[in-house]
Each structure stands twice: as structure tokens, then as C-alpha cells.
Amino acid sequence: MNNFVLVHIGDSVPRHLKVCIQQILNTNKNADIILASNLNIRAPGVHCININKLSYKETGGYFQNNSDPLWITSLKRIFILDSIIQKFNLKNTIHFDNDVLVFHDISEIKHLLSAPLYMTPHKLTEFTFGLCYEKKPALYPLFQKKSIS
């Protein structure tokens, strides 16, 4: 079974989030979908969690001197994702940006995601959370190393 965890932080629910969820439901019949948001969202077939009821570090001290709202929101999303994975002890967790559309059952490509933690390569030494796959909780140990600033 695959666990899809989506995180939405905003003032309203964008149409692309609804389409993203519908595509997951259409193509991954055995998937569990968790949607964490600051909004009170209800969606059929989706376990919705209000992020205000989660325990997580805002940014864990990373990027303290960065005032770019995109980076701050992206980092917050990663900590929320980690909090959900830890809280529910999720395995085989897939997370991606909410504007991504899935057209196949993820089980068909899991063999390509062989590492315990897979993230989308951006550059040789940089990765993004455009797509993240965790076989078992793997993010938490990375956050214990506060060498990023």
C-alpha cells in the first residue's frame, strides 16, 4: 500500500489540488491519501488533518535569516510532512507538489525508487520535494543535523 501525503498552506483551496487528489484516486486504487492543511478541508476518500493540531517545528531553525515566503512555506511543508510520517509511523510514503498529476499507479515505478529516501534531483548536490518517496520514516534523522543555515 502507498501513502500519499499532500500539504496545502493557503487562504483557499486551489482547483489544481482537487484535480491532483482526483488523479490519485483514479490511478492508485489501494492508496491512502492524507491531506494536511491550515484550512478545514473535507474531501471524499481523503483523511484530512488540520496542521494547527500537529506538533512540528515551524522551520526548525533552518533559514532563520531568509525572509522569502516561498522558501519558508516550502520548509514548513517538509516539517509538516515529517510530523505526519512520524505520528502515523507511515511507510511507503509519497509526497509531491499539489500541482502534480499522477497518470499511473505508483506501484509500477516503485522499483525505480530504490533508496530509503528519494527526492527529486535539482542539481548534483541539491534536491527538492517536488517528489519525495520514503520507504520508512527517514526525514527525522536528517533534521537532527542543523548544519544548514
C-alpha atoms as a PDB file:
ATOM      1  CA  MET A   1       0.000   0.000   0.000  1.00  0.00           C
ATOM      2  CA  ASN A   2       1.140   3.521  -0.749  1.00  0.00           C
ATOM      3  CA  ASN A   3       0.500   6.530   1.443  1.00  0.00           C
ATOM      4  CA  PHE A   4       0.138   9.842  -0.337  1.00  0.00           C
ATOM      5  CA  VAL A   5       0.681  12.852   1.919  1.00  0.00           C
ATOM      6  CA  LEU A   6      -0.203  16.241   0.483  1.00  0.00           C
ATOM      7  CA  VAL A   7       0.285  19.542   2.283  1.00  0.00           C
ATOM      8  CA  HIS A   8      -1.598  22.717   1.423  1.00  0.00           C
ATOM      9  CA  ILE A   9      -0.959  26.032   3.171  1.00  0.00           C
ATOM     10  CA  GLY A  10      -3.004  28.958   1.937  1.00  0.00           C
ATOM     11  CA  ASP A  11      -6.121  31.091   2.096  1.00  0.00           C
ATOM     12  CA  SER A  12      -8.281  28.968  -0.220  1.00  0.00           C
ATOM     13  CA  VAL A  13      -8.332  25.567  -1.894  1.00  0.00           C
ATOM     14  CA  PRO A  14      -6.956  25.843  -5.432  1.00  0.00           C
ATOM     15  CA  ARG A  15      -8.585  23.880  -8.240  1.00  0.00           C
ATOM     16  CA  HIS A  16      -5.322  22.093  -9.052  1.00  0.00           C
ATOM     17  CA  LEU A  17      -5.316  20.498  -5.565  1.00  0.00           C
ATOM     18  CA  LYS A  18      -8.743  18.990  -6.223  1.00  0.00           C
ATOM     19  CA  VAL A  19      -7.587  17.692  -9.610  1.00  0.00           C
ATOM     20  CA  CYS A  20      -4.406  16.265  -8.059  1.00  0.00           C
ATOM     21  CA  ILE A  21      -6.420  14.348  -5.447  1.00  0.00           C
ATOM     22  CA  GLN A  22      -8.864  13.078  -8.056  1.00  0.00           C
ATOM     23  CA  GLN A  23      -5.991  11.779 -10.207  1.00  0.00           C
ATOM     24  CA  ILE A  24      -4.510   9.896  -7.240  1.00  0.00           C
ATOM     25  CA  LEU A  25      -7.909   8.339  -6.510  1.00  0.00           C
ATOM     26  CA  ASN A  26      -8.380   7.407 -10.181  1.00  0.00           C
ATOM     27  CA  THR A  27      -4.972   5.809 -10.696  1.00  0.00           C
ATOM     28  CA  ASN A  28      -3.979   4.380  -7.294  1.00  0.00           C
ATOM     29  CA  LYS A  29      -6.934   2.335  -6.092  1.00  0.00           C
ATOM     30  CA  ASN A  30      -5.145   0.969  -2.986  1.00  0.00           C
ATOM     31  CA  ALA A  31      -3.661   4.255  -1.844  1.00  0.00           C
ATOM     32  CA  ASP A  32      -4.344   6.103   1.368  1.00  0.00           C
ATOM     33  CA  ILE A  33      -4.376   9.875   0.950  1.00  0.00           C
ATOM     34  CA  ILE A  34      -3.655  12.274   3.789  1.00  0.00           C
ATOM     35  CA  LEU A  35      -4.152  15.976   3.194  1.00  0.00           C
ATOM     36  CA  ALA A  36      -2.712  18.349   5.786  1.00  0.00           C
ATOM     37  CA  SER A  37      -3.801  21.959   5.599  1.00  0.00           C
ATOM     38  CA  ASN A  38      -4.318  25.083   7.640  1.00  0.00           C
ATOM     39  CA  LEU A  39      -7.853  25.104   6.204  1.00  0.00           C
ATOM     40  CA  ASN A  40     -10.695  22.848   7.322  1.00  0.00           C
ATOM     41  CA  ILE A  41     -10.982  20.770   4.165  1.00  0.00           C
ATOM     42  CA  ARG A  42     -13.244  17.798   3.601  1.00  0.00           C
ATOM     43  CA  ALA A  43     -12.624  15.560   0.619  1.00  0.00           C
ATOM     44  CA  PRO A  44     -14.201  12.159  -0.116  1.00  0.00           C
ATOM     45  CA  GLY A  45     -11.652   9.347   0.161  1.00  0.00           C
ATOM     46  CA  VAL A  46      -9.100  11.593   1.881  1.00  0.00           C
ATOM     47  CA  HIS A  47      -8.027  11.732   5.523  1.00  0.00           C
ATOM     48  CA  CYS A  48      -7.844  15.472   6.213  1.00  0.00           C
ATOM     49  CA  ILE A  49      -5.693  16.835   9.034  1.00  0.00           C
ATOM     50  CA  ASN A  50      -5.607  20.410  10.266  1.00  0.00           C
ATOM     51  CA  ILE A  51      -1.923  21.343  10.621  1.00  0.00           C
ATOM     52  CA  ASN A  52      -2.760  23.525  13.607  1.00  0.00           C
ATOM     53  CA  LYS A  53      -3.378  20.279  15.526  1.00  0.00           C
ATOM     54  CA  LEU A  54       0.026  18.808  14.627  1.00  0.00           C
ATOM     55  CA  SER A  55       3.169  19.145  16.658  1.00  0.00           C
ATOM     56  CA  TYR A  56       6.063  20.248  14.465  1.00  0.00           C
ATOM     57  CA  LYS A  57       8.850  22.786  14.421  1.00  0.00           C
ATOM     58  CA  GLU A  58       7.968  25.878  12.386  1.00  0.00           C
ATOM     59  CA  THR A  59      11.245  25.750  10.476  1.00  0.00           C
ATOM     60  CA  GLY A  60      13.480  24.002  12.969  1.00  0.00           C
ATOM     61  CA  GLY A  61      15.915  26.921  12.976  1.00  0.00           C
ATOM     62  CA  TYR A  62      16.758  26.479   9.309  1.00  0.00           C
ATOM     63  CA  PHE A  63      16.854  29.572   7.099  1.00  0.00           C
ATOM     64  CA  GLN A  64      16.369  31.909  10.048  1.00  0.00           C
ATOM     65  CA  ASN A  65      17.711  34.860   8.079  1.00  0.00           C
ATOM     66  CA  ASN A  66      15.689  34.151   4.944  1.00  0.00           C
ATOM     67  CA  SER A  67      12.522  36.195   4.544  1.00  0.00           C
ATOM     68  CA  ASP A  68      11.436  34.644   1.217  1.00  0.00           C
ATOM     69  CA  PRO A  69       7.852  33.413   1.840  1.00  0.00           C
ATOM     70  CA  LEU A  70       8.196  30.641  -0.773  1.00  0.00           C
ATOM     71  CA  TRP A  71      11.209  29.103   0.983  1.00  0.00           C
ATOM     72  CA  ILE A  72       9.642  29.461   4.418  1.00  0.00           C
ATOM     73  CA  THR A  73       6.383  27.824   3.279  1.00  0.00           C
ATOM     74  CA  SER A  74       8.281  25.047   1.483  1.00  0.00           C
ATOM     75  CA  LEU A  75      10.363  24.320   4.548  1.00  0.00           C
ATOM     76  CA  LYS A  76       7.285  24.361   6.775  1.00  0.00           C
ATOM     77  CA  ARG A  77       5.707  21.814   4.417  1.00  0.00           C
ATOM     78  CA  ILE A  78       8.667  19.475   4.892  1.00  0.00           C
ATOM     79  CA  PHE A  79       8.383  19.657   8.681  1.00  0.00           C
ATOM     80  CA  ILE A  80       4.627  19.020   8.458  1.00  0.00           C
ATOM     81  CA  LEU A  81       5.275  16.026   6.204  1.00  0.00           C
ATOM     82  CA  ASP A  82       7.806  14.653   8.661  1.00  0.00           C
ATOM     83  CA  SER A  83       5.405  15.186  11.577  1.00  0.00           C
ATOM     84  CA  ILE A  84       2.673  13.190   9.821  1.00  0.00           C
ATOM     85  CA  ILE A  85       5.035  10.364   8.871  1.00  0.00           C
ATOM     86  CA  GLN A  86       6.295  10.141  12.462  1.00  0.00           C
ATOM     87  CA  LYS A  87       2.825  10.445  14.052  1.00  0.00           C
ATOM     88  CA  PHE A  88       1.280   7.672  11.963  1.00  0.00           C
ATOM     89  CA  ASN A  89       4.513   5.655  11.503  1.00  0.00           C
ATOM     90  CA  LEU A  90       3.945   5.675   7.750  1.00  0.00           C
ATOM     91  CA  LYS A  91       5.902   3.556   5.336  1.00  0.00           C
ATOM     92  CA  ASN A  92       5.935   3.809   1.539  1.00  0.00           C
ATOM     93  CA  THR A  93       5.026   7.471   1.692  1.00  0.00           C
ATOM     94  CA  ILE A  94       4.782   9.579  -1.428  1.00  0.00           C
ATOM     95  CA  HIS A  95       4.704  13.354  -1.311  1.00  0.00           C
ATOM     96  CA  PHE A  96       4.755  15.796  -4.177  1.00  0.00           C
ATOM     97  CA  ASP A  97       3.728  19.306  -5.077  1.00  0.00           C
ATOM     98  CA  ASN A  98      -0.037  19.748  -5.268  1.00  0.00           C
ATOM     99  CA  ASP A  99       0.065  20.714  -8.925  1.00  0.00           C
ATOM    100  CA  VAL A 100       1.491  17.331  -9.943  1.00  0.00           C
ATOM    101  CA  LEU A 101      -0.827  14.951 -11.788  1.00  0.00           C
ATOM    102  CA  VAL A 102      -0.420  11.192 -11.438  1.00  0.00           C
ATOM    103  CA  PHE A 103      -1.306   9.133 -14.504  1.00  0.00           C
ATOM    104  CA  HIS A 104      -0.234   5.647 -13.373  1.00  0.00           C
ATOM    105  CA  ASP A 105      -0.279   3.520 -10.281  1.00  0.00           C
ATOM    106  CA  ILE A 106       2.858   4.460  -8.343  1.00  0.00           C
ATOM    107  CA  SER A 107       3.421   0.756  -7.591  1.00  0.00           C
ATOM    108  CA  GLU A 108       4.508   0.422 -11.230  1.00  0.00           C
ATOM    109  CA  ILE A 109       7.589   2.613 -10.667  1.00  0.00           C
ATOM    110  CA  LYS A 110       8.474   1.906  -7.031  1.00  0.00           C
ATOM    111  CA  HIS A 111      11.329  -0.320  -8.166  1.00  0.00           C
ATOM    112  CA  LEU A 112      12.989   2.819  -9.599  1.00  0.00           C
ATOM    113  CA  LEU A 113      12.894   4.479  -6.184  1.00  0.00           C
ATOM    114  CA  SER A 114      15.344   2.116  -4.522  1.00  0.00           C
ATOM    115  CA  ALA A 115      16.809   4.398  -1.837  1.00  0.00           C
ATOM    116  CA  PRO A 116      15.188   4.577   1.619  1.00  0.00           C
ATOM    117  CA  LEU A 117      14.595   8.270   0.877  1.00  0.00           C
ATOM    118  CA  TYR A 118      14.188   9.541  -2.660  1.00  0.00           C
ATOM    119  CA  MET A 119      13.876  13.228  -3.545  1.00  0.00           C
ATOM    120  CA  THR A 120      13.775  14.942  -6.927  1.00  0.00           C
ATOM    121  CA  PRO A 121      17.295  15.929  -8.015  1.00  0.00           C
ATOM    122  CA  HIS A 122      17.571  19.646  -8.765  1.00  0.00           C
ATOM    123  CA  LYS A 123      21.345  19.885  -9.163  1.00  0.00           C
ATOM    124  CA  LEU A 124      24.184  17.491  -8.449  1.00  0.00           C
ATOM    125  CA  THR A 125      24.126  18.295  -4.731  1.00  0.00           C
ATOM    126  CA  GLU A 126      20.638  19.828  -4.379  1.00  0.00           C
ATOM    127  CA  PHE A 127      17.289  18.101  -4.096  1.00  0.00           C
ATOM    128  CA  THR A 128      13.693  19.318  -3.951  1.00  0.00           C
ATOM    129  CA  PHE A 129      10.484  17.933  -2.537  1.00  0.00           C
ATOM    130  CA  GLY A 130       8.765  18.072  -5.919  1.00  0.00           C
ATOM    131  CA  LEU A 131       8.618  14.305  -5.446  1.00  0.00           C
ATOM    132  CA  CYS A 132       9.610  12.591  -2.241  1.00  0.00           C
ATOM    133  CA  TYR A 133       9.320   8.870  -1.528  1.00  0.00           C
ATOM    134  CA  GLU A 134      10.130   7.360   1.869  1.00  0.00           C
ATOM    135  CA  LYS A 135      10.142   3.606   2.341  1.00  0.00           C
ATOM    136  CA  LYS A 136      10.170   4.141   6.094  1.00  0.00           C
ATOM    137  CA  PRO A 137      10.482   7.256   8.256  1.00  0.00           C
ATOM    138  CA  ALA A 138      13.784   8.762   7.095  1.00  0.00           C
ATOM    139  CA  LEU A 139      13.443  12.540   7.282  1.00  0.00           C
ATOM    140  CA  TYR A 140      13.621  12.901  11.053  1.00  0.00           C
ATOM    141  CA  PRO A 141      17.320  11.926  11.387  1.00  0.00           C
ATOM    142  CA  LEU A 142      18.203  14.495   8.706  1.00  0.00           C
ATOM    143  CA  PHE A 143      16.574  17.276  10.717  1.00  0.00           C
ATOM    144  CA  GLN A 144      18.740  16.487  13.721  1.00  0.00           C
ATOM    145  CA  LYS A 145      21.766  17.792  11.809  1.00  0.00           C
ATOM    146  CA  LYS A 146      21.476  21.570  11.901  1.00  0.00           C
ATOM    147  CA  SER A 147      24.345  22.331   9.561  1.00  0.00           C
ATOM    148  CA  ILE A 148      22.127  24.168   7.072  1.00  0.00           C
ATOM    149  CA  SER A 149      21.668  27.912   7.568  1.00  0.00           C
END
